[in-house]
Amino acid sequence: MGGAAEDRAKAAELGEGDVIRVLLEQHARIRELFDDVKDSSGEHKAHAFDELRALLAVHETAEEMVLRPATAKSGRRDIADARNHEEAEANEVLKDLEKLDVASADFDRQLVSFQAAVTGHAEAEESEEFPVVMAECDQERRQAMGKQLRAAESIAPTHPHPSTAGSTSAQYAGGPFASLVDRTRDAIKAATSDE
């Protein structure tokens, strides 16, 4: 995962709606959100972190349900399993991070670890998994997979729910990450049944 601009340039080389294009665009946005969280404070920092968590919930769930099966079907279950393992490890770091006040030094320290885990995972996807999917799935299949990812992406909020606005602890207590994972799964299943 180079910089956000590099990810977007790679994405632009692919057809609109291609699953790899969608994922590269999401990688770019994730990089930008990490920078935003690191470079901000107060309410803006909390909102940027909420947006990052929401995008990661959708992104990771969609990869697990859409991309990993294609990778495994190509005979590269080892790659699919390695990426799923990395996501599970990153989610453990995220669970710890969610318990911290975004204004604390502990949060900032753990955010660095979390960003390193997410960045390493994305780099492995881009160098190992994306080429497999590009080689094994024709344009039509990648478009269908992209449609599933876009359906999942459409359910991600970009701001806190009004009932929890202003209260980070209320947002965390509501379990937004787990809730988004469930809603993402439902959106992907609905998009798949439309095919």
N, C-alpha and C. Protein backbone atom coordinates (compact mmCIF):
# COMPACT_ATOMS: atom_id res chain seq x y z
N MET A 1 0.86 -1.15 0.00
CA MET A 1 0.00 0.00 0.00
C MET A 1 0.90 1.20 0.00
N GLY A 2 1.21 1.72 -1.18
CA GLY A 2 2.02 2.92 -1.27
C GLY A 2 1.32 4.06 -0.57
N GLY A 3 1.33 5.22 -1.16
CA GLY A 3 0.56 6.32 -0.62
C GLY A 3 -0.85 6.27 -1.16
N ALA A 4 -1.72 7.11 -0.60
CA ALA A 4 -3.10 7.16 -1.08
C ALA A 4 -3.15 7.52 -2.57
N ALA A 5 -2.29 8.44 -2.99
CA ALA A 5 -2.27 8.84 -4.40
C ALA A 5 -1.85 7.67 -5.29
N GLU A 6 -0.87 6.89 -4.83
CA GLU A 6 -0.42 5.72 -5.60
C GLU A 6 -1.52 4.68 -5.71
N ASP A 7 -2.23 4.44 -4.61
CA ASP A 7 -3.34 3.48 -4.64
C ASP A 7 -4.42 3.95 -5.62
N ARG A 8 -4.72 5.24 -5.60
CA ARG A 8 -5.74 5.76 -6.51
C ARG A 8 -5.29 5.68 -7.97
N ALA A 9 -4.00 5.91 -8.22
CA ALA A 9 -3.48 5.81 -9.59
C ALA A 9 -3.60 4.37 -10.10
N LYS A 10 -3.26 3.39 -9.27
CA LYS A 10 -3.41 1.99 -9.65
C LYS A 10 -4.89 1.66 -9.90
N ALA A 11 -5.75 2.18 -9.05
CA ALA A 11 -7.19 1.92 -9.19
C ALA A 11 -7.71 2.47 -10.51
N ALA A 12 -7.25 3.65 -10.88
CA ALA A 12 -7.73 4.31 -12.10
C ALA A 12 -7.38 3.52 -13.37
N GLU A 13 -6.40 2.64 -13.27
CA GLU A 13 -6.01 1.82 -14.42
C GLU A 13 -7.00 0.68 -14.67
N LEU A 14 -7.88 0.44 -13.73
CA LEU A 14 -8.85 -0.67 -13.83
C LEU A 14 -10.23 -0.11 -14.15
N GLY A 15 -11.08 -0.96 -14.68
CA GLY A 15 -12.43 -0.54 -15.05
C GLY A 15 -13.25 -0.13 -13.83
N GLU A 16 -14.15 0.80 -14.04
CA GLU A 16 -15.05 1.22 -12.98
C GLU A 16 -15.81 0.00 -12.46
N GLY A 17 -15.85 -0.17 -11.14
CA GLY A 17 -16.58 -1.27 -10.54
C GLY A 17 -15.78 -2.56 -10.37
N ASP A 18 -14.57 -2.61 -10.93
CA ASP A 18 -13.71 -3.79 -10.76
C ASP A 18 -13.40 -3.95 -9.27
N VAL A 19 -13.51 -5.17 -8.75
CA VAL A 19 -13.30 -5.41 -7.34
C VAL A 19 -11.93 -4.91 -6.86
N ILE A 20 -10.90 -5.08 -7.66
CA ILE A 20 -9.57 -4.62 -7.26
C ILE A 20 -9.53 -3.10 -7.23
N ARG A 21 -10.20 -2.46 -8.17
CA ARG A 21 -10.28 -0.98 -8.14
C ARG A 21 -10.97 -0.51 -6.86
N VAL A 22 -12.09 -1.14 -6.52
CA VAL A 22 -12.82 -0.75 -5.31
C VAL A 22 -11.93 -0.91 -4.08
N LEU A 23 -11.23 -2.02 -3.99
CA LEU A 23 -10.37 -2.27 -2.83
C LEU A 23 -9.21 -1.28 -2.77
N LEU A 24 -8.61 -0.97 -3.90
CA LEU A 24 -7.52 0.02 -3.91
C LEU A 24 -8.03 1.39 -3.50
N GLU A 25 -9.22 1.74 -3.94
CA GLU A 25 -9.81 3.03 -3.53
C GLU A 25 -10.05 3.04 -2.02
N GLN A 26 -10.50 1.91 -1.48
CA GLN A 26 -10.70 1.82 -0.03
C GLN A 26 -9.37 1.90 0.71
N HIS A 27 -8.34 1.24 0.18
CA HIS A 27 -7.01 1.34 0.80
C HIS A 27 -6.56 2.79 0.87
N ALA A 28 -6.78 3.54 -0.20
CA ALA A 28 -6.40 4.96 -0.22
C ALA A 28 -7.15 5.73 0.86
N ARG A 29 -8.44 5.49 0.99
CA ARG A 29 -9.23 6.19 1.99
C ARG A 29 -8.80 5.80 3.40
N ILE A 30 -8.48 4.54 3.61
CA ILE A 30 -8.01 4.09 4.93
C ILE A 30 -6.71 4.82 5.29
N ARG A 31 -5.80 4.94 4.34
CA ARG A 31 -4.54 5.67 4.61
C ARG A 31 -4.83 7.10 5.00
N GLU A 32 -5.74 7.75 4.27
CA GLU A 32 -6.09 9.14 4.57
C GLU A 32 -6.72 9.27 5.96
N LEU A 33 -7.56 8.32 6.32
CA LEU A 33 -8.20 8.37 7.64
C LEU A 33 -7.19 8.15 8.76
N PHE A 34 -6.24 7.25 8.57
CA PHE A 34 -5.20 7.10 9.59
C PHE A 34 -4.47 8.42 9.79
N ASP A 35 -4.10 9.08 8.71
CA ASP A 35 -3.42 10.37 8.80
C ASP A 35 -4.29 11.40 9.50
N ASP A 36 -5.59 11.41 9.17
CA ASP A 36 -6.51 12.36 9.78
C ASP A 36 -6.60 12.12 11.29
N VAL A 37 -6.72 10.87 11.70
CA VAL A 37 -6.80 10.57 13.13
C VAL A 37 -5.51 11.01 13.83
N LYS A 38 -4.37 10.70 13.24
CA LYS A 38 -3.09 11.04 13.86
C LYS A 38 -2.87 12.56 13.94
N ASP A 39 -3.37 13.29 12.95
CA ASP A 39 -3.08 14.72 12.85
C ASP A 39 -4.14 15.62 13.47
N SER A 40 -5.17 15.05 14.08
CA SER A 40 -6.24 15.88 14.62
C SER A 40 -6.39 15.66 16.11
N SER A 41 -7.35 16.37 16.70
CA SER A 41 -7.60 16.25 18.13
C SER A 41 -9.08 16.49 18.40
N GLY A 42 -9.45 16.24 19.63
CA GLY A 42 -10.80 16.53 20.07
C GLY A 42 -11.87 15.76 19.32
N GLU A 43 -12.99 16.44 19.11
CA GLU A 43 -14.14 15.82 18.47
C GLU A 43 -13.82 15.37 17.04
N HIS A 44 -13.02 16.15 16.32
CA HIS A 44 -12.67 15.77 14.95
C HIS A 44 -11.92 14.44 14.94
N LYS A 45 -11.01 14.26 15.89
CA LYS A 45 -10.25 13.02 15.98
C LYS A 45 -11.18 11.84 16.26
N ALA A 46 -12.12 12.02 17.17
CA ALA A 46 -13.07 10.96 17.50
C ALA A 46 -13.92 10.60 16.28
N HIS A 47 -14.37 11.60 15.54
CA HIS A 47 -15.18 11.34 14.35
C HIS A 47 -14.36 10.64 13.26
N ALA A 48 -13.12 11.07 13.08
CA ALA A 48 -12.26 10.43 12.07
C ALA A 48 -12.00 8.97 12.44
N PHE A 49 -11.80 8.70 13.74
CA PHE A 49 -11.60 7.32 14.17
C PHE A 49 -12.86 6.49 13.96
N ASP A 50 -14.02 7.08 14.24
CA ASP A 50 -15.28 6.37 13.98
C ASP A 50 -15.41 6.02 12.50
N GLU A 51 -15.08 6.95 11.63
CA GLU A 51 -15.17 6.68 10.19
C GLU A 51 -14.17 5.60 9.78
N LEU A 52 -12.97 5.65 10.34
CA LEU A 52 -11.97 4.63 10.05
C LEU A 52 -12.46 3.25 10.48
N ARG A 53 -12.98 3.14 11.69
CA ARG A 53 -13.49 1.85 12.18
C ARG A 53 -14.62 1.33 11.30
N ALA A 54 -15.52 2.22 10.89
CA ALA A 54 -16.64 1.81 10.05
C ALA A 54 -16.15 1.29 8.71
N LEU A 55 -15.23 2.02 8.09
CA LEU A 55 -14.71 1.59 6.79
C LEU A 55 -13.97 0.27 6.92
N LEU A 56 -13.18 0.11 7.97
CA LEU A 56 -12.45 -1.15 8.16
C LEU A 56 -13.40 -2.32 8.40
N ALA A 57 -14.48 -2.10 9.13
CA ALA A 57 -15.45 -3.18 9.35
C ALA A 57 -16.03 -3.65 8.03
N VAL A 58 -16.43 -2.71 7.20
CA VAL A 58 -17.01 -3.04 5.90
C VAL A 58 -15.96 -3.66 4.99
N HIS A 59 -14.80 -3.05 4.92
CA HIS A 59 -13.73 -3.49 4.04
C HIS A 59 -13.30 -4.93 4.36
N GLU A 60 -13.02 -5.18 5.62
CA GLU A 60 -12.52 -6.51 6.01
C GLU A 60 -13.58 -7.58 5.83
N THR A 61 -14.81 -7.27 6.17
CA THR A 61 -15.88 -8.25 6.01
C THR A 61 -16.11 -8.55 4.55
N ALA A 62 -16.10 -7.53 3.72
CA ALA A 62 -16.29 -7.72 2.28
C ALA A 62 -15.15 -8.54 1.69
N GLU A 63 -13.93 -8.29 2.13
CA GLU A 63 -12.80 -9.09 1.63
C GLU A 63 -12.98 -10.55 2.03
N GLU A 64 -13.38 -10.77 3.26
CA GLU A 64 -13.56 -12.14 3.75
C GLU A 64 -14.63 -12.88 2.95
N MET A 65 -15.70 -12.19 2.61
CA MET A 65 -16.84 -12.84 1.95
C MET A 65 -16.74 -12.88 0.43
N VAL A 66 -16.03 -11.91 -0.15
CA VAL A 66 -16.00 -11.79 -1.61
C VAL A 66 -14.64 -12.16 -2.19
N LEU A 67 -13.58 -11.58 -1.66
CA LEU A 67 -12.25 -11.77 -2.23
C LEU A 67 -11.63 -13.11 -1.83
N ARG A 68 -11.67 -13.44 -0.54
CA ARG A 68 -11.01 -14.66 -0.06
C ARG A 68 -11.53 -15.93 -0.73
N PRO A 69 -12.83 -16.07 -0.94
CA PRO A 69 -13.28 -17.29 -1.64
C PRO A 69 -12.69 -17.41 -3.05
N ALA A 70 -12.56 -16.29 -3.75
CA ALA A 70 -11.97 -16.33 -5.10
C ALA A 70 -10.49 -16.71 -5.02
N THR A 71 -9.80 -16.20 -4.03
CA THR A 71 -8.39 -16.54 -3.85
C THR A 71 -8.24 -18.03 -3.53
N ALA A 72 -9.05 -18.52 -2.61
CA ALA A 72 -8.98 -19.93 -2.23
C ALA A 72 -9.35 -20.83 -3.41
N LYS A 73 -10.36 -20.44 -4.17
CA LYS A 73 -10.80 -21.25 -5.31
C LYS A 73 -9.71 -21.36 -6.37
N SER A 74 -8.84 -20.36 -6.43
CA SER A 74 -7.76 -20.38 -7.42
C SER A 74 -6.64 -21.36 -7.03
N GLY A 75 -6.78 -21.97 -5.87
CA GLY A 75 -5.75 -22.89 -5.40
C GLY A 75 -4.78 -22.23 -4.43
N ARG A 76 -5.05 -21.00 -4.04
CA ARG A 76 -4.16 -20.28 -3.14
C ARG A 76 -4.80 -20.06 -1.77
N ARG A 77 -5.29 -21.14 -1.20
CA ARG A 77 -5.88 -21.06 0.14
C ARG A 77 -4.86 -20.53 1.15
N ASP A 78 -3.58 -20.81 0.91
CA ASP A 78 -2.54 -20.31 1.82
C ASP A 78 -2.56 -18.79 1.90
N ILE A 79 -2.74 -18.15 0.77
CA ILE A 79 -2.80 -16.68 0.75
C ILE A 79 -4.07 -16.20 1.44
N ALA A 80 -5.21 -16.82 1.13
CA ALA A 80 -6.47 -16.44 1.76
C ALA A 80 -6.39 -16.60 3.28
N ASP A 81 -5.84 -17.72 3.73
CA ASP A 81 -5.73 -17.97 5.17
C ASP A 81 -4.80 -16.97 5.84
N ALA A 82 -3.70 -16.63 5.20
CA ALA A 82 -2.76 -15.66 5.76
C ALA A 82 -3.40 -14.28 5.91
N ARG A 83 -4.17 -13.86 4.90
CA ARG A 83 -4.83 -12.56 4.97
C ARG A 83 -5.91 -12.55 6.06
N ASN A 84 -6.67 -13.64 6.17
CA ASN A 84 -7.68 -13.72 7.23
C ASN A 84 -7.03 -13.69 8.61
N HIS A 85 -5.89 -14.35 8.75
CA HIS A 85 -5.17 -14.35 10.03
C HIS A 85 -4.70 -12.93 10.38
N GLU A 86 -4.17 -12.22 9.39
CA GLU A 86 -3.73 -10.83 9.62
C GLU A 86 -4.89 -9.95 10.07
N GLU A 87 -6.05 -10.13 9.42
CA GLU A 87 -7.21 -9.33 9.80
C GLU A 87 -7.64 -9.64 11.23
N ALA A 88 -7.60 -10.90 11.61
CA ALA A 88 -7.98 -11.28 12.97
C ALA A 88 -7.03 -10.64 13.98
N GLU A 89 -5.74 -10.63 13.68
CA GLU A 89 -4.77 -10.00 14.58
C GLU A 89 -5.01 -8.49 14.68
N ALA A 90 -5.26 -7.85 13.56
CA ALA A 90 -5.53 -6.41 13.56
C ALA A 90 -6.79 -6.09 14.36
N ASN A 91 -7.79 -6.96 14.27
CA ASN A 91 -9.02 -6.73 15.02
C ASN A 91 -8.80 -6.82 16.52
N GLU A 92 -7.86 -7.63 16.95
CA GLU A 92 -7.52 -7.70 18.38
C GLU A 92 -6.90 -6.38 18.84
N VAL A 93 -6.03 -5.81 18.02
CA VAL A 93 -5.44 -4.51 18.35
C VAL A 93 -6.55 -3.45 18.38
N LEU A 94 -7.47 -3.52 17.41
CA LEU A 94 -8.57 -2.56 17.37
C LEU A 94 -9.44 -2.65 18.62
N LYS A 95 -9.71 -3.85 19.10
CA LYS A 95 -10.51 -4.01 20.32
C LYS A 95 -9.86 -3.27 21.49
N ASP A 96 -8.55 -3.38 21.61
CA ASP A 96 -7.84 -2.68 22.68
C ASP A 96 -7.90 -1.17 22.45
N LEU A 97 -7.75 -0.77 21.23
CA LEU A 97 -7.75 0.65 20.88
C LEU A 97 -9.10 1.29 21.18
N GLU A 98 -10.18 0.57 20.91
CA GLU A 98 -11.53 1.10 21.13
C GLU A 98 -11.81 1.40 22.59
N LYS A 99 -11.10 0.77 23.50
CA LYS A 99 -11.32 0.98 24.93
C LYS A 99 -10.66 2.26 25.44
N LEU A 100 -9.81 2.87 24.61
CA LEU A 100 -9.04 4.03 25.06
C LEU A 100 -9.68 5.34 24.65
N ASP A 101 -9.41 6.37 25.43
CA ASP A 101 -9.82 7.73 25.09
C ASP A 101 -8.95 8.21 23.94
N VAL A 102 -9.56 8.72 22.86
CA VAL A 102 -8.79 9.14 21.69
C VAL A 102 -7.82 10.28 22.01
N ALA A 103 -8.02 10.96 23.14
CA ALA A 103 -7.14 12.06 23.52
C ALA A 103 -5.92 11.58 24.32
N SER A 104 -5.86 10.29 24.63
CA SER A 104 -4.78 9.79 25.48
C SER A 104 -3.53 9.44 24.67
N ALA A 105 -2.40 9.48 25.37
CA ALA A 105 -1.13 9.08 24.76
C ALA A 105 -1.14 7.58 24.45
N ASP A 106 -1.82 6.79 25.29
CA ASP A 106 -1.93 5.35 25.02
C ASP A 106 -2.63 5.10 23.70
N PHE A 107 -3.68 5.86 23.42
CA PHE A 107 -4.39 5.71 22.15
C PHE A 107 -3.43 5.97 21.00
N ASP A 108 -2.70 7.08 21.07
CA ASP A 108 -1.78 7.44 19.99
C ASP A 108 -0.72 6.36 19.77
N ARG A 109 -0.20 5.79 20.87
CA ARG A 109 0.80 4.72 20.75
C ARG A 109 0.19 3.47 20.10
N GLN A 110 -0.99 3.09 20.56
CA GLN A 110 -1.62 1.89 20.00
C GLN A 110 -2.07 2.10 18.57
N LEU A 111 -2.43 3.34 18.23
CA LEU A 111 -2.83 3.63 16.86
C LEU A 111 -1.68 3.35 15.90
N VAL A 112 -0.46 3.66 16.32
CA VAL A 112 0.71 3.38 15.48
C VAL A 112 0.83 1.88 15.21
N SER A 113 0.64 1.06 16.24
CA SER A 113 0.68 -0.40 16.06
C SER A 113 -0.43 -0.88 15.15
N PHE A 114 -1.61 -0.33 15.35
CA PHE A 114 -2.75 -0.71 14.54
C PHE A 114 -2.54 -0.33 13.07
N GLN A 115 -2.04 0.87 12.85
CA GLN A 115 -1.77 1.31 11.48
C GLN A 115 -0.73 0.41 10.82
N ALA A 116 0.30 0.03 11.54
CA ALA A 116 1.33 -0.85 10.97
C ALA A 116 0.73 -2.20 10.59
N ALA A 117 -0.16 -2.74 11.42
CA ALA A 117 -0.79 -4.02 11.12
C ALA A 117 -1.68 -3.91 9.88
N VAL A 118 -2.47 -2.85 9.80
CA VAL A 118 -3.37 -2.67 8.67
C VAL A 118 -2.58 -2.41 7.39
N THR A 119 -1.55 -1.61 7.47
CA THR A 119 -0.73 -1.30 6.30
C THR A 119 -0.01 -2.55 5.78
N GLY A 120 0.57 -3.33 6.69
CA GLY A 120 1.23 -4.57 6.29
C GLY A 120 0.28 -5.53 5.62
N HIS A 121 -0.91 -5.61 6.16
CA HIS A 121 -1.95 -6.48 5.59
C HIS A 121 -2.30 -6.01 4.17
N ALA A 122 -2.52 -4.73 3.99
CA ALA A 122 -2.89 -4.20 2.67
C ALA A 122 -1.76 -4.41 1.66
N GLU A 123 -0.53 -4.24 2.09
CA GLU A 123 0.61 -4.47 1.19
C GLU A 123 0.66 -5.93 0.74
N ALA A 124 0.37 -6.85 1.66
CA ALA A 124 0.36 -8.27 1.30
C ALA A 124 -0.79 -8.56 0.33
N GLU A 125 -1.92 -7.95 0.55
CA GLU A 125 -3.03 -8.12 -0.39
C GLU A 125 -2.63 -7.64 -1.79
N GLU A 126 -2.08 -6.46 -1.84
CA GLU A 126 -1.74 -5.86 -3.13
C GLU A 126 -0.65 -6.63 -3.87
N SER A 127 0.31 -7.18 -3.14
CA SER A 127 1.41 -7.87 -3.81
C SER A 127 1.15 -9.35 -4.03
N GLU A 128 0.34 -9.99 -3.18
CA GLU A 128 0.13 -11.44 -3.28
C GLU A 128 -1.28 -11.81 -3.74
N GLU A 129 -2.28 -11.22 -3.13
CA GLU A 129 -3.65 -11.66 -3.39
C GLU A 129 -4.27 -11.02 -4.63
N PHE A 130 -4.11 -9.72 -4.80
CA PHE A 130 -4.73 -9.06 -5.96
C PHE A 130 -4.26 -9.66 -7.28
N PRO A 131 -2.96 -9.96 -7.45
CA PRO A 131 -2.53 -10.58 -8.72
C PRO A 131 -3.20 -11.93 -8.97
N VAL A 132 -3.44 -12.71 -7.92
CA VAL A 132 -4.12 -14.00 -8.08
C VAL A 132 -5.54 -13.78 -8.59
N VAL A 133 -6.25 -12.86 -7.98
CA VAL A 133 -7.63 -12.59 -8.38
C VAL A 133 -7.66 -12.03 -9.80
N MET A 134 -6.73 -11.16 -10.13
CA MET A 134 -6.67 -10.61 -11.50
C MET A 134 -6.44 -11.73 -12.52
N ALA A 135 -5.59 -12.68 -12.19
CA ALA A 135 -5.27 -13.77 -13.13
C ALA A 135 -6.39 -14.81 -13.23
N GLU A 136 -7.08 -15.04 -12.14
CA GLU A 136 -8.07 -16.12 -12.10
C GLU A 136 -9.50 -15.69 -12.42
N CYS A 137 -9.81 -14.43 -12.26
CA CYS A 137 -11.18 -13.96 -12.46
C CYS A 137 -11.24 -13.03 -13.66
N ASP A 138 -12.12 -13.33 -14.60
CA ASP A 138 -12.25 -12.46 -15.77
C ASP A 138 -12.93 -11.14 -15.36
N GLN A 139 -12.97 -10.21 -16.30
CA GLN A 139 -13.51 -8.88 -16.03
C GLN A 139 -14.96 -8.95 -15.53
N GLU A 140 -15.76 -9.81 -16.13
CA GLU A 140 -17.16 -9.93 -15.73
C GLU A 140 -17.27 -10.36 -14.27
N ARG A 141 -16.48 -11.34 -13.88
CA ARG A 141 -16.51 -11.82 -12.49
C ARG A 141 -16.02 -10.74 -11.54
N ARG A 142 -14.95 -10.04 -11.91
CA ARG A 142 -14.43 -8.97 -11.04
C ARG A 142 -15.46 -7.84 -10.90
N GLN A 143 -16.22 -7.58 -11.95
CA GLN A 143 -17.29 -6.56 -11.88
C GLN A 143 -18.38 -7.01 -10.90
N ALA A 144 -18.76 -8.29 -10.98
CA ALA A 144 -19.78 -8.82 -10.07
C ALA A 144 -19.29 -8.74 -8.62
N MET A 145 -18.02 -9.08 -8.41
CA MET A 145 -17.44 -8.98 -7.07
C MET A 145 -17.40 -7.53 -6.61
N GLY A 146 -17.09 -6.62 -7.51
CA GLY A 146 -17.07 -5.20 -7.19
C GLY A 146 -18.45 -4.70 -6.79
N LYS A 147 -19.48 -5.21 -7.45
CA LYS A 147 -20.86 -4.84 -7.11
C LYS A 147 -21.17 -5.26 -5.67
N GLN A 148 -20.71 -6.43 -5.29
CA GLN A 148 -20.93 -6.90 -3.92
C GLN A 148 -20.22 -5.98 -2.92
N LEU A 149 -19.00 -5.57 -3.25
CA LEU A 149 -18.26 -4.68 -2.35
C LEU A 149 -18.94 -3.32 -2.26
N ARG A 150 -19.41 -2.79 -3.37
CA ARG A 150 -20.10 -1.49 -3.35
C ARG A 150 -21.38 -1.57 -2.51
N ALA A 151 -22.09 -2.69 -2.59
CA ALA A 151 -23.29 -2.86 -1.78
C ALA A 151 -22.94 -2.81 -0.30
N ALA A 152 -21.85 -3.48 0.05
CA ALA A 152 -21.41 -3.48 1.44
C ALA A 152 -20.96 -2.08 1.86
N GLU A 153 -20.23 -1.41 1.00
CA GLU A 153 -19.71 -0.07 1.28
C GLU A 153 -20.83 0.92 1.53
N SER A 154 -21.96 0.73 0.87
CA SER A 154 -23.06 1.69 0.98
C SER A 154 -23.71 1.71 2.35
N ILE A 155 -23.48 0.69 3.17
CA ILE A 155 -24.12 0.67 4.48
C ILE A 155 -23.25 1.31 5.56
N ALA A 156 -22.01 1.64 5.24
CA ALA A 156 -21.10 2.20 6.25
C ALA A 156 -21.42 3.66 6.54
N PRO A 157 -21.70 3.98 7.79
CA PRO A 157 -21.93 5.39 8.11
C PRO A 157 -20.62 6.16 8.07
N THR A 158 -20.69 7.41 7.73
CA THR A 158 -19.49 8.25 7.73
C THR A 158 -19.51 9.20 8.92
N HIS A 159 -20.50 9.05 9.79
CA HIS A 159 -20.58 9.84 11.01
C HIS A 159 -21.34 9.03 12.06
N PRO A 160 -21.20 9.38 13.34
CA PRO A 160 -21.86 8.60 14.38
C PRO A 160 -23.38 8.67 14.27
N HIS A 161 -24.03 7.65 14.77
CA HIS A 161 -25.49 7.66 14.82
C HIS A 161 -25.93 8.81 15.72
N PRO A 162 -27.00 9.54 15.35
CA PRO A 162 -27.44 10.69 16.15
C PRO A 162 -27.67 10.38 17.62
N SER A 163 -28.12 9.18 17.93
CA SER A 163 -28.39 8.84 19.33
C SER A 163 -27.11 8.71 20.15
N THR A 164 -25.97 8.57 19.50
CA THR A 164 -24.71 8.44 20.23
C THR A 164 -23.77 9.61 19.96
N ALA A 165 -24.19 10.57 19.16
CA ALA A 165 -23.33 11.71 18.83
C ALA A 165 -22.91 12.42 20.11
N GLY A 166 -21.65 12.76 20.16
CA GLY A 166 -21.11 13.48 21.30
C GLY A 166 -20.69 12.59 22.44
N SER A 167 -20.95 11.31 22.35
CA SER A 167 -20.58 10.39 23.41
C SER A 167 -19.84 9.20 22.82
N THR A 168 -18.53 9.29 22.83
CA THR A 168 -17.72 8.21 22.29
C THR A 168 -17.99 6.91 23.03
N SER A 169 -18.17 6.99 24.36
CA SER A 169 -18.42 5.77 25.11
C SER A 169 -19.75 5.14 24.70
N ALA A 170 -20.77 5.95 24.40
CA ALA A 170 -22.06 5.40 23.95
C ALA A 170 -21.90 4.75 22.58
N GLN A 171 -21.08 5.34 21.73
CA GLN A 171 -20.85 4.77 20.40
C GLN A 171 -20.17 3.42 20.53
N TYR A 172 -19.17 3.32 21.39
CA TYR A 172 -18.46 2.06 21.57
C TYR A 172 -19.35 1.02 22.22
N ALA A 173 -20.14 1.45 23.21
CA ALA A 173 -21.02 0.52 23.91
C ALA A 173 -22.05 -0.08 22.96
N GLY A 174 -22.42 0.67 21.95
CA GLY A 174 -23.38 0.19 20.97
C GLY A 174 -22.80 -0.84 20.04
N GLY A 175 -21.52 -1.06 20.11
CA GLY A 175 -20.88 -2.08 19.30
C GLY A 175 -20.89 -1.80 17.81
N PRO A 176 -20.48 -0.62 17.37
CA PRO A 176 -20.59 -0.29 15.96
C PRO A 176 -19.77 -1.20 15.05
N PHE A 177 -18.62 -1.65 15.49
CA PHE A 177 -17.80 -2.50 14.63
C PHE A 177 -18.52 -3.83 14.37
N ALA A 178 -18.98 -4.46 15.43
CA ALA A 178 -19.69 -5.74 15.28
C ALA A 178 -20.98 -5.56 14.50
N SER A 179 -21.70 -4.50 14.77
CA SER A 179 -22.95 -4.23 14.06
C SER A 179 -22.70 -4.03 12.57
N LEU A 180 -21.64 -3.29 12.24
CA LEU A 180 -21.33 -3.07 10.83
C LEU A 180 -20.91 -4.35 10.14
N VAL A 181 -20.22 -5.21 10.84
CA VAL A 181 -19.83 -6.49 10.25
C VAL A 181 -21.09 -7.27 9.88
N ASP A 182 -22.05 -7.32 10.79
CA ASP A 182 -23.30 -8.04 10.50
C ASP A 182 -24.06 -7.41 9.34
N ARG A 183 -24.16 -6.09 9.33
CA ARG A 183 -24.88 -5.41 8.26
C ARG A 183 -24.16 -5.57 6.93
N THR A 184 -22.84 -5.61 6.96
CA THR A 184 -22.06 -5.81 5.74
C THR A 184 -22.33 -7.19 5.16
N ARG A 185 -22.33 -8.19 6.02
CA ARG A 185 -22.63 -9.56 5.56
C ARG A 185 -24.00 -9.61 4.89
N ASP A 186 -24.98 -8.95 5.49
CA ASP A 186 -26.33 -8.95 4.92
C ASP A 186 -26.35 -8.25 3.57
N ALA A 187 -25.65 -7.12 3.45
CA ALA A 187 -25.62 -6.38 2.17
C ALA A 187 -24.96 -7.20 1.07
N ILE A 188 -23.89 -7.90 1.40
CA ILE A 188 -23.21 -8.74 0.41
C ILE A 188 -24.10 -9.89 -0.03
N LYS A 189 -24.77 -10.52 0.93
CA LYS A 189 -25.67 -11.62 0.60
C LYS A 189 -26.80 -11.12 -0.30
N ALA A 190 -27.33 -9.94 -0.02
CA ALA A 190 -28.40 -9.38 -0.86
C ALA A 190 -27.90 -9.09 -2.26
N ALA A 191 -26.70 -8.53 -2.37
CA ALA A 191 -26.12 -8.22 -3.68
C ALA A 191 -25.84 -9.50 -4.47
N THR A 192 -25.43 -10.54 -3.77
CA THR A 192 -25.15 -11.82 -4.42
C THR A 192 -26.44 -12.45 -4.94
N SER A 193 -27.52 -12.33 -4.20
CA SER A 193 -28.78 -12.93 -4.63
C SER A 193 -29.39 -12.19 -5.82
N ASP A 194 -28.96 -10.93 -6.05
CA ASP A 194 -29.45 -10.15 -7.19
C ASP A 194 -28.81 -10.60 -8.49
N GLU A 195 -27.69 -11.34 -8.41
CA GLU A 195 -26.97 -11.73 -9.63
C GLU A 195 -27.69 -12.82 -10.40
